[in-house]
Protein backbone atom coordinates (compact mmCIF):
# COMPACT_ATOMS: atom_id res chain seq x y z
CA UNK A 1 102.30 119.34 111.86
CA UNK A 2 105.03 120.05 109.34
CA UNK A 3 106.60 117.24 107.35
CA UNK A 4 110.17 117.35 106.14
CA UNK A 5 111.22 116.22 102.70
CA UNK A 6 114.73 114.81 102.76
CA UNK A 7 117.38 115.51 100.15
CA UNK A 8 117.35 111.81 99.31
CA UNK A 9 113.62 111.83 98.57
CA UNK A 10 113.94 114.98 96.45
CA UNK A 11 116.81 113.51 94.44
CA UNK A 12 114.85 110.29 93.82
CA UNK A 13 111.86 112.25 92.52
CA UNK A 14 114.05 114.45 90.33
CA UNK A 15 116.01 111.52 88.89
CA UNK A 16 113.12 109.11 88.40
CA UNK A 17 110.26 111.46 87.51
CA UNK A 18 111.25 114.97 86.48
CA UNK A 19 114.36 114.36 84.37
CA UNK A 20 112.83 111.65 82.15
CA UNK A 21 109.93 113.97 81.28
CA UNK A 22 112.30 116.87 80.66
CA UNK A 23 114.37 114.74 78.27
CA UNK A 24 111.19 114.18 76.23
CA UNK A 25 110.40 117.91 76.22
CA UNK A 26 107.46 117.40 78.60
CA UNK A 27 108.35 120.15 81.04
CA UNK A 28 104.89 120.73 82.51
CA UNK A 29 104.32 116.99 82.96
CA UNK A 30 107.71 116.62 84.66
CA UNK A 31 107.05 119.37 87.17
CA UNK A 32 103.44 118.30 87.73
CA UNK A 33 104.28 114.63 88.26
CA UNK A 34 107.27 115.51 90.45
CA UNK A 35 105.21 117.74 92.71
CA UNK A 36 102.46 115.12 92.95
CA UNK A 37 105.09 112.60 94.06
CA UNK A 38 106.38 114.92 96.75
CA UNK A 39 102.90 115.81 97.99
CA UNK A 40 101.81 112.18 98.38
């Protein structure tokens, strides 16, 4: 069964997880943590 990730969920993960890491220069950590959030 496929699950759908909504635009709202993606935006929340980007704003709350990925962008803060990117602002600190932690690009790998931002992507890794963001993907973990979307997977779980």
